[in-house]
Amino acid sequence: MKIKLTLPMAPSINNYYMRRGTRTFILPKGVKFRKEVNDIVREAGLDIMLLGRLKMTVVIHFGNKRKNDIDNRIKALWDSLEKSMVFLNDEAFDQLHIFRGEVDKNNPRMEIEIEEIDQ
């Protein structure tokens, strides 16, 4: 099974979680991203959950040419996809390939492809 989606730009992990004492919570940008991902997953009609070992390819199209760490968006992406029931747990990923795509000022986005690995 292979899933392909185009998602909005995930917030940097620095703008996704916050710790206060022993509590960790998701910031408003993270809440908004989670909802957007869930809406896209539902609109795509994805009513399956990938259960095996997984690999993912991500092409990140930033909205500007500023320095951006491409790995800084993945945890927020995985968290949102997990909450949308695309997969059970991000521990299932054995392969992750991240590429920097063309800058798109009008449509920063993440193009993802997830598939189960034959074992």
PDB file of N, CA and C in Angstrom:
ATOM      1  N   MET A   1       0.843  -1.181   0.000  1.00  0.00           N
ATOM      2  CA  MET A   1       0.000   0.000   0.000  1.00  0.00           C
ATOM      3  C   MET A   1       0.887   1.243   0.000  1.00  0.00           C
ATOM      4  N   LYS A   2       0.535   2.218  -0.810  1.00  0.00           N
ATOM      5  CA  LYS A   2       1.290   3.456  -0.901  1.00  0.00           C
ATOM      6  C   LYS A   2       0.323   4.624  -0.743  1.00  0.00           C
ATOM      7  N   ILE A   3       0.732   5.607   0.052  1.00  0.00           N
ATOM      8  CA  ILE A   3      -0.067   6.808   0.268  1.00  0.00           C
ATOM      9  C   ILE A   3       0.734   8.006  -0.225  1.00  0.00           C
ATOM     10  N   LYS A   4       0.097   8.853  -1.024  1.00  0.00           N
ATOM     11  CA  LYS A   4       0.705  10.108  -1.478  1.00  0.00           C
ATOM     12  C   LYS A   4      -0.216  11.249  -1.071  1.00  0.00           C
ATOM     13  N   LEU A   5       0.375  12.262  -0.443  1.00  0.00           N
ATOM     14  CA  LEU A   5      -0.389  13.429  -0.023  1.00  0.00           C
ATOM     15  C   LEU A   5       0.437  14.694  -0.206  1.00  0.00           C
ATOM     16  N   THR A   6      -0.232  15.784  -0.450  1.00  0.00           N
ATOM     17  CA  THR A   6       0.397  17.103  -0.406  1.00  0.00           C
ATOM     18  C   THR A   6      -0.194  17.814   0.792  1.00  0.00           C
ATOM     19  N   LEU A   7       0.688  18.206   1.709  1.00  0.00           N
ATOM     20  CA  LEU A   7       0.265  18.807   2.965  1.00  0.00           C
ATOM     21  C   LEU A   7       0.832  20.207   3.102  1.00  0.00           C
ATOM     22  N   PRO A   8       0.217  21.029   3.936  1.00  0.00           N
ATOM     23  CA  PRO A   8       0.802  22.344   4.187  1.00  0.00           C
ATOM     24  C   PRO A   8       2.139  22.187   4.902  1.00  0.00           C
ATOM     25  N   MET A   9       2.900  23.249   4.955  1.00  0.00           N
ATOM     26  CA  MET A   9       4.194  23.209   5.630  1.00  0.00           C
ATOM     27  C   MET A   9       3.994  22.967   7.126  1.00  0.00           C
ATOM     28  N   ALA A  10       4.664  21.963   7.635  1.00  0.00           N
ATOM     29  CA  ALA A  10       4.606  21.690   9.070  1.00  0.00           C
ATOM     30  C   ALA A  10       5.356  22.782   9.825  1.00  0.00           C
ATOM     31  N   PRO A  11       4.885  23.117  11.004  1.00  0.00           N
ATOM     32  CA  PRO A  11       5.653  24.077  11.801  1.00  0.00           C
ATOM     33  C   PRO A  11       6.956  23.444  12.257  1.00  0.00           C
ATOM     34  N   SER A  12       7.945  24.268  12.476  1.00  0.00           N
ATOM     35  CA  SER A  12       9.191  23.800  13.056  1.00  0.00           C
ATOM     36  C   SER A  12       8.881  23.158  14.400  1.00  0.00           C
ATOM     37  N   ILE A  13       9.635  22.151  14.767  1.00  0.00           N
ATOM     38  CA  ILE A  13       9.410  21.493  16.054  1.00  0.00           C
ATOM     39  C   ILE A  13       9.544  22.500  17.193  1.00  0.00           C
ATOM     40  N   ASN A  14      10.320  23.574  16.980  1.00  0.00           N
ATOM     41  CA  ASN A  14      10.461  24.630  17.986  1.00  0.00           C
ATOM     42  C   ASN A  14       9.164  25.396  18.198  1.00  0.00           C
ATOM     43  N   ASN A  15       8.259  25.357  17.212  1.00  0.00           N
ATOM     44  CA  ASN A  15       6.967  26.039  17.305  1.00  0.00           C
ATOM     45  C   ASN A  15       5.800  25.067  17.425  1.00  0.00           C
ATOM     46  N   TYR A  16       6.109  23.821  17.732  1.00  0.00           N
ATOM     47  CA  TYR A  16       5.071  22.796  17.797  1.00  0.00           C
ATOM     48  C   TYR A  16       4.781  22.396  19.246  1.00  0.00           C
ATOM     49  N   TYR A  17       5.819  21.998  19.967  1.00  0.00           N
ATOM     50  CA  TYR A  17       5.676  21.585  21.357  1.00  0.00           C
ATOM     51  C   TYR A  17       6.223  22.650  22.297  1.00  0.00           C
ATOM     52  N   MET A  18       5.692  22.647  23.524  1.00  0.00           N
ATOM     53  CA  MET A  18       6.253  23.483  24.582  1.00  0.00           C
ATOM     54  C   MET A  18       6.167  22.698  25.879  1.00  0.00           C
ATOM     55  N   ARG A  19       7.184  22.838  26.681  1.00  0.00           N
ATOM     56  CA  ARG A  19       7.181  22.200  27.995  1.00  0.00           C
ATOM     57  C   ARG A  19       6.997  23.267  29.055  1.00  0.00           C
ATOM     58  N   ARG A  20       6.162  22.958  30.010  1.00  0.00           N
ATOM     59  CA  ARG A  20       5.994  23.813  31.181  1.00  0.00           C
ATOM     60  C   ARG A  20       5.989  22.877  32.386  1.00  0.00           C
ATOM     61  N   GLY A  21       7.096  22.896  33.105  1.00  0.00           N
ATOM     62  CA  GLY A  21       7.240  21.953  34.215  1.00  0.00           C
ATOM     63  C   GLY A  21       7.345  20.544  33.659  1.00  0.00           C
ATOM     64  N   THR A  22       6.487  19.678  34.122  1.00  0.00           N
ATOM     65  CA  THR A  22       6.487  18.289  33.638  1.00  0.00           C
ATOM     66  C   THR A  22       5.491  18.072  32.505  1.00  0.00           C
ATOM     67  N   ARG A  23       4.738  19.112  32.155  1.00  0.00           N
ATOM     68  CA  ARG A  23       3.734  18.992  31.098  1.00  0.00           C
ATOM     69  C   ARG A  23       4.303  19.394  29.747  1.00  0.00           C
ATOM     70  N   THR A  24       3.935  18.648  28.735  1.00  0.00           N
ATOM     71  CA  THR A  24       4.254  18.996  27.356  1.00  0.00           C
ATOM     72  C   THR A  24       2.930  19.213  26.641  1.00  0.00           C
ATOM     73  N   PHE A  25       2.842  20.314  25.913  1.00  0.00           N
ATOM     74  CA  PHE A  25       1.610  20.565  25.175  1.00  0.00           C
ATOM     75  C   PHE A  25       1.926  21.126  23.800  1.00  0.00           C
ATOM     76  N   ILE A  26       0.930  21.075  22.938  1.00  0.00           N
ATOM     77  CA  ILE A  26       1.088  21.515  21.562  1.00  0.00           C
ATOM     78  C   ILE A  26       0.645  22.975  21.459  1.00  0.00           C
ATOM     79  N   LEU A  27       1.473  23.763  20.811  1.00  0.00           N
ATOM     80  CA  LEU A  27       1.197  25.188  20.625  1.00  0.00           C
ATOM     81  C   LEU A  27       0.124  25.396  19.556  1.00  0.00           C
ATOM     82  N   PRO A  28      -0.470  26.582  19.480  1.00  0.00           N
ATOM     83  CA  PRO A  28      -1.550  26.832  18.496  1.00  0.00           C
ATOM     84  C   PRO A  28      -1.168  26.506  17.051  1.00  0.00           C
ATOM     85  N   LYS A  29       0.075  26.796  16.629  1.00  0.00           N
ATOM     86  CA  LYS A  29       0.481  26.451  15.254  1.00  0.00           C
ATOM     87  C   LYS A  29       0.418  24.943  15.030  1.00  0.00           C
ATOM     88  N   GLY A  30       0.782  24.187  16.060  1.00  0.00           N
ATOM     89  CA  GLY A  30       0.726  22.732  15.970  1.00  0.00           C
ATOM     90  C   GLY A  30      -0.695  22.211  15.913  1.00  0.00           C
ATOM     91  N   VAL A  31      -1.562  22.795  16.720  1.00  0.00           N
ATOM     92  CA  VAL A  31      -2.973  22.401  16.718  1.00  0.00           C
ATOM     93  C   VAL A  31      -3.584  22.659  15.344  1.00  0.00           C
ATOM     94  N   LYS A  32      -3.287  23.824  14.794  1.00  0.00           N
ATOM     95  CA  LYS A  32      -3.807  24.181  13.461  1.00  0.00           C
ATOM     96  C   LYS A  32      -3.293  23.213  12.396  1.00  0.00           C
ATOM     97  N   PHE A  33      -1.984  22.884  12.432  1.00  0.00           N
ATOM     98  CA  PHE A  33      -1.412  21.960  11.458  1.00  0.00           C
ATOM     99  C   PHE A  33      -2.050  20.580  11.586  1.00  0.00           C
ATOM    100  N   ARG A  34      -2.209  20.091  12.811  1.00  0.00           N
ATOM    101  CA  ARG A  34      -2.843  18.785  13.024  1.00  0.00           C
ATOM    102  C   ARG A  34      -4.234  18.737  12.393  1.00  0.00           C
ATOM    103  N   LYS A  35      -5.019  19.791  12.594  1.00  0.00           N
ATOM    104  CA  LYS A  35      -6.370  19.830  12.028  1.00  0.00           C
ATOM    105  C   LYS A  35      -6.327  19.830  10.509  1.00  0.00           C
ATOM    106  N   GLU A  36      -5.412  20.628   9.931  1.00  0.00           N
ATOM    107  CA  GLU A  36      -5.290  20.681   8.473  1.00  0.00           C
ATOM    108  C   GLU A  36      -4.914  19.312   7.915  1.00  0.00           C
ATOM    109  N   VAL A  37      -3.970  18.628   8.558  1.00  0.00           N
ATOM    110  CA  VAL A  37      -3.568  17.297   8.105  1.00  0.00           C
ATOM    111  C   VAL A  37      -4.735  16.330   8.208  1.00  0.00           C
ATOM    112  N   ASN A  38      -5.435  16.351   9.332  1.00  0.00           N
ATOM    113  CA  ASN A  38      -6.571  15.453   9.509  1.00  0.00           C
ATOM    114  C   ASN A  38      -7.634  15.704   8.446  1.00  0.00           C
ATOM    115  N   ASP A  39      -7.921  16.962   8.156  1.00  0.00           N
ATOM    116  CA  ASP A  39      -8.907  17.286   7.125  1.00  0.00           C
ATOM    117  C   ASP A  39      -8.484  16.754   5.755  1.00  0.00           C
ATOM    118  N   ILE A  40      -7.204  16.915   5.417  1.00  0.00           N
ATOM    119  CA  ILE A  40      -6.698  16.442   4.123  1.00  0.00           C
ATOM    120  C   ILE A  40      -6.768  14.918   4.039  1.00  0.00           C
ATOM    121  N   VAL A  41      -6.391  14.248   5.124  1.00  0.00           N
ATOM    122  CA  VAL A  41      -6.450  12.779   5.154  1.00  0.00           C
ATOM    123  C   VAL A  41      -7.893  12.312   4.955  1.00  0.00           C
ATOM    124  N   ARG A  42      -8.834  12.928   5.633  1.00  0.00           N
ATOM    125  CA  ARG A  42     -10.244  12.539   5.509  1.00  0.00           C
ATOM    126  C   ARG A  42     -10.769  12.849   4.105  1.00  0.00           C
ATOM    127  N   GLU A  43     -10.418  14.017   3.559  1.00  0.00           N
ATOM    128  CA  GLU A  43     -10.863  14.375   2.202  1.00  0.00           C
ATOM    129  C   GLU A  43     -10.304  13.413   1.158  1.00  0.00           C
ATOM    130  N   ALA A  44      -9.113  12.881   1.420  1.00  0.00           N
ATOM    131  CA  ALA A  44      -8.501  11.928   0.490  1.00  0.00           C
ATOM    132  C   ALA A  44      -9.142  10.545   0.603  1.00  0.00           C
ATOM    133  N   GLY A  45     -10.010  10.373   1.584  1.00  0.00           N
ATOM    134  CA  GLY A  45     -10.694   9.091   1.745  1.00  0.00           C
ATOM    135  C   GLY A  45      -9.811   7.992   2.318  1.00  0.00           C
ATOM    136  N   LEU A  46      -8.766   8.387   3.041  1.00  0.00           N
ATOM    137  CA  LEU A  46      -7.865   7.384   3.627  1.00  0.00           C
ATOM    138  C   LEU A  46      -8.485   6.845   4.908  1.00  0.00           C
ATOM    139  N   ASP A  47      -9.108   5.696   4.791  1.00  0.00           N
ATOM    140  CA  ASP A  47      -9.727   5.092   5.966  1.00  0.00           C
ATOM    141  C   ASP A  47      -8.990   3.812   6.370  1.00  0.00           C
ATOM    142  N   ILE A  48      -7.733   3.732   5.959  1.00  0.00           N
ATOM    143  CA  ILE A  48      -6.896   2.585   6.316  1.00  0.00           C
ATOM    144  C   ILE A  48      -5.774   3.075   7.224  1.00  0.00           C
ATOM    145  N   MET A  49      -5.217   2.143   7.965  1.00  0.00           N
ATOM    146  CA  MET A  49      -4.056   2.467   8.776  1.00  0.00           C
ATOM    147  C   MET A  49      -2.927   1.534   8.347  1.00  0.00           C
ATOM    148  N   LEU A  50      -1.778   2.117   8.024  1.00  0.00           N
ATOM    149  CA  LEU A  50      -0.621   1.308   7.672  1.00  0.00           C
ATOM    150  C   LEU A  50      -0.068   0.674   8.941  1.00  0.00           C
ATOM    151  N   LEU A  51       0.098  -0.641   8.937  1.00  0.00           N
ATOM    152  CA  LEU A  51       0.476  -1.352  10.160  1.00  0.00           C
ATOM    153  C   LEU A  51       1.872  -1.957  10.124  1.00  0.00           C
ATOM    154  N   GLY A  52       2.452  -2.107   8.954  1.00  0.00           N
ATOM    155  CA  GLY A  52       3.761  -2.751   8.855  1.00  0.00           C
ATOM    156  C   GLY A  52       4.904  -1.770   9.069  1.00  0.00           C
ATOM    157  N   ARG A  53       6.099  -2.224   8.682  1.00  0.00           N
ATOM    158  CA  ARG A  53       7.279  -1.352   8.699  1.00  0.00           C
ATOM    159  C   ARG A  53       7.126  -0.390   7.530  1.00  0.00           C
ATOM    160  N   LEU A  54       7.568   0.851   7.716  1.00  0.00           N
ATOM    161  CA  LEU A  54       7.272   1.896   6.746  1.00  0.00           C
ATOM    162  C   LEU A  54       8.515   2.617   6.256  1.00  0.00           C
ATOM    163  N   LYS A  55       8.365   3.194   5.060  1.00  0.00           N
ATOM    164  CA  LYS A  55       9.365   4.133   4.557  1.00  0.00           C
ATOM    165  C   LYS A  55       8.627   5.364   4.061  1.00  0.00           C
ATOM    166  N   MET A  56       9.310   6.496   4.146  1.00  0.00           N
ATOM    167  CA  MET A  56       8.679   7.752   3.768  1.00  0.00           C
ATOM    168  C   MET A  56       9.646   8.593   2.969  1.00  0.00           C
ATOM    169  N   THR A  57       9.110   9.226   1.942  1.00  0.00           N
ATOM    170  CA  THR A  57       9.840  10.221   1.173  1.00  0.00           C
ATOM    171  C   THR A  57       9.103  11.538   1.333  1.00  0.00           C
ATOM    172  N   VAL A  58       9.847  12.594   1.642  1.00  0.00           N
ATOM    173  CA  VAL A  58       9.262  13.913   1.839  1.00  0.00           C
ATOM    174  C   VAL A  58      10.019  14.911   0.968  1.00  0.00           C
ATOM    175  N   VAL A  59       9.292  15.678   0.190  1.00  0.00           N
ATOM    176  CA  VAL A  59       9.876  16.801  -0.547  1.00  0.00           C
ATOM    177  C   VAL A  59       9.289  18.061   0.081  1.00  0.00           C
ATOM    178  N   ILE A  60      10.181  18.901   0.606  1.00  0.00           N
ATOM    179  CA  ILE A  60       9.755  20.110   1.306  1.00  0.00           C
ATOM    180  C   ILE A  60       9.982  21.313   0.407  1.00  0.00           C
ATOM    181  N   HIS A  61       8.905  22.010   0.129  1.00  0.00           N
ATOM    182  CA  HIS A  61       8.953  23.234  -0.678  1.00  0.00           C
ATOM    183  C   HIS A  61       8.743  24.418   0.269  1.00  0.00           C
ATOM    184  N   PHE A  62       9.841  25.033   0.704  1.00  0.00           N
ATOM    185  CA  PHE A  62       9.753  26.172   1.606  1.00  0.00           C
ATOM    186  C   PHE A  62       9.205  27.386   0.872  1.00  0.00           C
ATOM    187  N   GLY A  63       8.698  28.343   1.626  1.00  0.00           N
ATOM    188  CA  GLY A  63       8.117  29.543   1.047  1.00  0.00           C
ATOM    189  C   GLY A  63       9.097  30.679   0.862  1.00  0.00           C
ATOM    190  N   ASN A  64      10.361  30.436   1.226  1.00  0.00           N
ATOM    191  CA  ASN A  64      11.383  31.476   1.072  1.00  0.00           C
ATOM    192  C   ASN A  64      12.761  30.819   1.012  1.00  0.00           C
ATOM    193  N   LYS A  65      13.776  31.625   0.763  1.00  0.00           N
ATOM    194  CA  LYS A  65      15.142  31.109   0.622  1.00  0.00           C
ATOM    195  C   LYS A  65      15.940  31.191   1.922  1.00  0.00           C
ATOM    196  N   ARG A  66      15.288  31.543   3.028  1.00  0.00           N
ATOM    197  CA  ARG A  66      15.993  31.592   4.309  1.00  0.00           C
ATOM    198  C   ARG A  66      16.524  30.210   4.673  1.00  0.00           C
ATOM    199  N   LYS A  67      17.484  30.195   5.574  1.00  0.00           N
ATOM    200  CA  LYS A  67      18.012  28.912   6.035  1.00  0.00           C
ATOM    201  C   LYS A  67      16.927  28.179   6.811  1.00  0.00           C
ATOM    202  N   ASN A  68      16.634  26.985   6.397  1.00  0.00           N
ATOM    203  CA  ASN A  68      15.645  26.133   7.052  1.00  0.00           C
ATOM    204  C   ASN A  68      16.227  24.733   7.191  1.00  0.00           C
ATOM    205  N   ASP A  69      16.152  24.178   8.383  1.00  0.00           N
ATOM    206  CA  ASP A  69      16.582  22.799   8.593  1.00  0.00           C
ATOM    207  C   ASP A  69      15.475  21.870   8.098  1.00  0.00           C
ATOM    208  N   ILE A  70      15.803  21.009   7.154  1.00  0.00           N
ATOM    209  CA  ILE A  70      14.760  20.146   6.600  1.00  0.00           C
ATOM    210  C   ILE A  70      14.295  19.082   7.594  1.00  0.00           C
ATOM    211  N   ASP A  71      15.133  18.713   8.545  1.00  0.00           N
ATOM    212  CA  ASP A  71      14.723  17.691   9.500  1.00  0.00           C
ATOM    213  C   ASP A  71      13.862  18.245  10.630  1.00  0.00           C
ATOM    214  N   ASN A  72      13.778  19.549  10.752  1.00  0.00           N
ATOM    215  CA  ASN A  72      13.086  20.199  11.860  1.00  0.00           C
ATOM    216  C   ASN A  72      11.569  20.127  11.732  1.00  0.00           C
ATOM    217  N   ARG A  73      11.065  19.646  10.636  1.00  0.00           N
ATOM    218  CA  ARG A  73       9.615  19.593  10.384  1.00  0.00           C
ATOM    219  C   ARG A  73       9.046  18.178  10.510  1.00  0.00           C
ATOM    220  N   ILE A  74       9.909  17.189  10.561  1.00  0.00           N
ATOM    221  CA  ILE A  74       9.458  15.798  10.446  1.00  0.00           C
ATOM    222  C   ILE A  74       8.677  15.325  11.664  1.00  0.00           C
ATOM    223  N   LYS A  75       9.109  15.653  12.861  1.00  0.00           N
ATOM    224  CA  LYS A  75       8.404  15.181  14.050  1.00  0.00           C
ATOM    225  C   LYS A  75       6.974  15.708  14.083  1.00  0.00           C
ATOM    226  N   ALA A  76       6.781  16.987  13.735  1.00  0.00           N
ATOM    227  CA  ALA A  76       5.425  17.547  13.681  1.00  0.00           C
ATOM    228  C   ALA A  76       4.592  16.844  12.604  1.00  0.00           C
ATOM    229  N   LEU A  77       5.230  16.542  11.472  1.00  0.00           N
ATOM    230  CA  LEU A  77       4.554  15.828  10.387  1.00  0.00           C
ATOM    231  C   LEU A  77       4.117  14.443  10.857  1.00  0.00           C
ATOM    232  N   TRP A  78       5.048  13.677  11.441  1.00  0.00           N
ATOM    233  CA  TRP A  78       4.722  12.331  11.914  1.00  0.00           C
ATOM    234  C   TRP A  78       3.645  12.364  12.986  1.00  0.00           C
ATOM    235  N   ASP A  79       3.762  13.292  13.921  1.00  0.00           N
ATOM    236  CA  ASP A  79       2.788  13.398  14.995  1.00  0.00           C
ATOM    237  C   ASP A  79       1.389  13.634  14.428  1.00  0.00           C
ATOM    238  N   SER A  80       1.287  14.523  13.471  1.00  0.00           N
ATOM    239  CA  SER A  80      -0.013  14.843  12.884  1.00  0.00           C
ATOM    240  C   SER A  80      -0.580  13.679  12.078  1.00  0.00           C
ATOM    241  N   LEU A  81       0.270  12.991  11.331  1.00  0.00           N
ATOM    242  CA  LEU A  81      -0.193  11.828  10.561  1.00  0.00           C
ATOM    243  C   LEU A  81      -0.610  10.685  11.485  1.00  0.00           C
ATOM    244  N   GLU A  82       0.111  10.509  12.578  1.00  0.00           N
ATOM    245  CA  GLU A  82      -0.249   9.481  13.551  1.00  0.00           C
ATOM    246  C   GLU A  82      -1.608   9.795  14.179  1.00  0.00           C
ATOM    247  N   LYS A  83      -1.831  11.037  14.558  1.00  0.00           N
ATOM    248  CA  LYS A  83      -3.109  11.437  15.155  1.00  0.00           C
ATOM    249  C   LYS A  83      -4.253  11.327  14.148  1.00  0.00           C
ATOM    250  N   SER A  84      -3.925  11.398  12.859  1.00  0.00           N
ATOM    251  CA  SER A  84      -4.934  11.241  11.800  1.00  0.00           C
ATOM    252  C   SER A  84      -5.140   9.779  11.427  1.00  0.00           C
ATOM    253  N   MET A  85      -4.483   8.877  12.159  1.00  0.00           N
ATOM    254  CA  MET A  85      -4.650   7.428  11.996  1.00  0.00           C
ATOM    255  C   MET A  85      -4.119   6.896  10.666  1.00  0.00           C
ATOM    256  N   VAL A  86      -3.099   7.552  10.109  1.00  0.00           N
ATOM    257  CA  VAL A  86      -2.475   7.040   8.891  1.00  0.00           C
ATOM    258  C   VAL A  86      -1.594   5.845   9.238  1.00  0.00           C
ATOM    259  N   PHE A  87      -0.945   5.895  10.390  1.00  0.00           N
ATOM    260  CA  PHE A  87      -0.150   4.779  10.897  1.00  0.00           C
ATOM    261  C   PHE A  87      -0.282   4.757  12.410  1.00  0.00           C
ATOM    262  N   LEU A  88       0.119   3.644  12.998  1.00  0.00           N
ATOM    263  CA  LEU A  88      -0.070   3.431  14.428  1.00  0.00           C
ATOM    264  C   LEU A  88       0.917   4.236  15.269  1.00  0.00           C
ATOM    265  N   ASN A  89       2.199   4.196  14.883  1.00  0.00           N
ATOM    266  CA  ASN A  89       3.227   4.866  15.675  1.00  0.00           C
ATOM    267  C   ASN A  89       4.404   5.195  14.775  1.00  0.00           C
ATOM    268  N   ASP A  90       5.045   6.334  15.002  1.00  0.00           N
ATOM    269  CA  ASP A  90       6.171   6.713  14.138  1.00  0.00           C
ATOM    270  C   ASP A  90       7.392   5.818  14.340  1.00  0.00           C
ATOM    271  N   GLU A  91       7.355   4.947  15.317  1.00  0.00           N
ATOM    272  CA  GLU A  91       8.426   3.958  15.502  1.00  0.00           C
ATOM    273  C   GLU A  91       8.491   2.995  14.317  1.00  0.00           C
ATOM    274  N   ALA A  92       7.425   2.895  13.557  1.00  0.00           N
ATOM    275  CA  ALA A  92       7.341   1.954  12.439  1.00  0.00           C
ATOM    276  C   ALA A  92       8.219   2.351  11.259  1.00  0.00           C
ATOM    277  N   PHE A  93       8.762   3.570  11.260  1.00  0.00           N
ATOM    278  CA  PHE A  93       9.559   4.009  10.122  1.00  0.00           C
ATOM    279  C   PHE A  93      10.983   3.465  10.191  1.00  0.00           C
ATOM    280  N   ASP A  94      11.356   2.745   9.140  1.00  0.00           N
ATOM    281  CA  ASP A  94      12.716   2.235   8.991  1.00  0.00           C
ATOM    282  C   ASP A  94      13.528   3.085   8.024  1.00  0.00           C
ATOM    283  N   GLN A  95      12.847   3.796   7.131  1.00  0.00           N
ATOM    284  CA  GLN A  95      13.526   4.639   6.138  1.00  0.00           C
ATOM    285  C   GLN A  95      12.829   5.988   6.059  1.00  0.00           C
ATOM    286  N   LEU A  96      13.660   7.023   5.968  1.00  0.00           N
ATOM    287  CA  LEU A  96      13.149   8.375   5.790  1.00  0.00           C
ATOM    288  C   LEU A  96      14.068   9.088   4.816  1.00  0.00           C
ATOM    289  N   HIS A  97      13.491   9.584   3.732  1.00  0.00           N
ATOM    290  CA  HIS A  97      14.240  10.323   2.718  1.00  0.00           C
ATOM    291  C   HIS A  97      13.631  11.717   2.632  1.00  0.00           C
ATOM    292  N   ILE A  98      14.450  12.730   2.880  1.00  0.00           N
ATOM    293  CA  ILE A  98      13.967  14.112   2.870  1.00  0.00           C
ATOM    294  C   ILE A  98      14.725  14.873   1.799  1.00  0.00           C
ATOM    295  N   PHE A  99      13.975  15.591   0.982  1.00  0.00           N
ATOM    296  CA  PHE A  99      14.572  16.395  -0.087  1.00  0.00           C
ATOM    297  C   PHE A  99      14.057  17.821   0.010  1.00  0.00           C
ATOM    298  N   ARG A 100      14.926  18.761  -0.333  1.00  0.00           N
ATOM    299  CA  ARG A 100      14.526  20.155  -0.419  1.00  0.00           C
ATOM    300  C   ARG A 100      14.056  20.398  -1.841  1.00  0.00           C
ATOM    301  N   GLY A 101      12.792  20.780  -1.993  1.00  0.00           N
ATOM    302  CA  GLY A 101      12.237  21.072  -3.307  1.00  0.00           C
ATOM    303  C   GLY A 101      12.453  22.528  -3.678  1.00  0.00           C
ATOM    304  N   GLU A 102      11.852  22.919  -4.753  1.00  0.00           N
ATOM    305  CA  GLU A 102      11.915  24.313  -5.206  1.00  0.00           C
ATOM    306  C   GLU A 102      11.211  25.225  -4.202  1.00  0.00           C
ATOM    307  N   VAL A 103      11.737  26.424  -4.024  1.00  0.00           N
ATOM    308  CA  VAL A 103      11.063  27.422  -3.199  1.00  0.00           C
ATOM    309  C   VAL A 103       9.771  27.830  -3.908  1.00  0.00           C
ATOM    310  N   ASP A 104       8.685  27.876  -3.157  1.00  0.00           N
ATOM    311  CA  ASP A 104       7.397  28.280  -3.718  1.00  0.00           C
ATOM    312  C   ASP A 104       6.766  29.292  -2.758  1.00  0.00           C
ATOM    313  N   LYS A 105       6.962  30.554  -3.037  1.00  0.00           N
ATOM    314  CA  LYS A 105       6.469  31.624  -2.162  1.00  0.00           C
ATOM    315  C   LYS A 105       4.957  31.584  -2.007  1.00  0.00           C
ATOM    316  N   ASN A 106       4.263  31.132  -3.020  1.00  0.00           N
ATOM    317  CA  ASN A 106       2.800  31.123  -2.992  1.00  0.00           C
ATOM    318  C   ASN A 106       2.196  29.864  -2.384  1.00  0.00           C
ATOM    319  N   ASN A 107       2.987  28.795  -2.299  1.00  0.00           N
ATOM    320  CA  ASN A 107       2.424  27.531  -1.833  1.00  0.00           C
ATOM    321  C   ASN A 107       3.489  26.672  -1.138  1.00  0.00           C
ATOM    322  N   PRO A 108       3.993  27.112   0.022  1.00  0.00           N
ATOM    323  CA  PRO A 108       4.920  26.246   0.746  1.00  0.00           C
ATOM    324  C   PRO A 108       4.183  24.970   1.147  1.00  0.00           C
ATOM    325  N   ARG A 109       4.847  23.843   0.990  1.00  0.00           N
ATOM    326  CA  ARG A 109       4.142  22.581   1.216  1.00  0.00           C
ATOM    327  C   ARG A 109       5.123  21.429   1.435  1.00  0.00           C
ATOM    328  N   MET A 110       4.547  20.294   1.813  1.00  0.00           N
ATOM    329  CA  MET A 110       5.304  19.055   1.969  1.00  0.00           C
ATOM    330  C   MET A 110       4.599  17.989   1.137  1.00  0.00           C
ATOM    331  N   GLU A 111       5.313  17.427   0.195  1.00  0.00           N
ATOM    332  CA  GLU A 111       4.769  16.333  -0.614  1.00  0.00           C
ATOM    333  C   GLU A 111       5.314  15.049  -0.019  1.00  0.00           C
ATOM    334  N   ILE A 112       4.411  14.168   0.405  1.00  0.00           N
ATOM    335  CA  ILE A 112       4.854  12.960   1.095  1.00  0.00           C
ATOM    336  C   ILE A 112       4.377  11.706   0.374  1.00  0.00           C
ATOM    337  N   GLU A 113       5.160  10.689   0.544  1.00  0.00           N
ATOM    338  CA  GLU A 113       4.812   9.357   0.048  1.00  0.00           C
ATOM    339  C   GLU A 113       5.211   8.378   1.145  1.00  0.00           C
ATOM    340  N   ILE A 114       4.265   7.567   1.579  1.00  0.00           N
ATOM    341  CA  ILE A 114       4.514   6.565   2.618  1.00  0.00           C
ATOM    342  C   ILE A 114       4.120   5.218   2.049  1.00  0.00           C
ATOM    343  N   GLU A 115       4.973   4.238   2.287  1.00  0.00           N
ATOM    344  CA  GLU A 115       4.596   2.892   1.865  1.00  0.00           C
ATOM    345  C   GLU A 115       5.135   1.862   2.813  1.00  0.00           C
ATOM    346  N   GLU A 116       4.417   0.751   2.861  1.00  0.00           N
ATOM    347  CA  GLU A 116       4.846  -0.369   3.682  1.00  0.00           C
ATOM    348  C   GLU A 116       6.017  -1.060   3.002  1.00  0.00           C
ATOM    349  N   ILE A 117       6.960  -1.507   3.803  1.00  0.00           N
ATOM    350  CA  ILE A 117       8.137  -2.207   3.297  1.00  0.00           C
ATOM    351  C   ILE A 117       7.864  -3.695   3.350  1.00  0.00           C
ATOM    352  N   ASP A 118       8.078  -4.374   2.257  1.00  0.00           N
ATOM    353  CA  ASP A 118       7.923  -5.829   2.239  1.00  0.00           C
ATOM    354  C   ASP A 118       8.967  -6.445   3.151  1.00  0.00           C
ATOM    355  N   GLN A 119       8.526  -7.361   3.980  1.00  0.00           N
ATOM    356  CA  GLN A 119       9.478  -8.004   4.902  1.00  0.00           C
ATOM    357  C   GLN A 119       9.480  -9.494   4.694  1.00  0.00           C
TER     358      GLN A 119
END
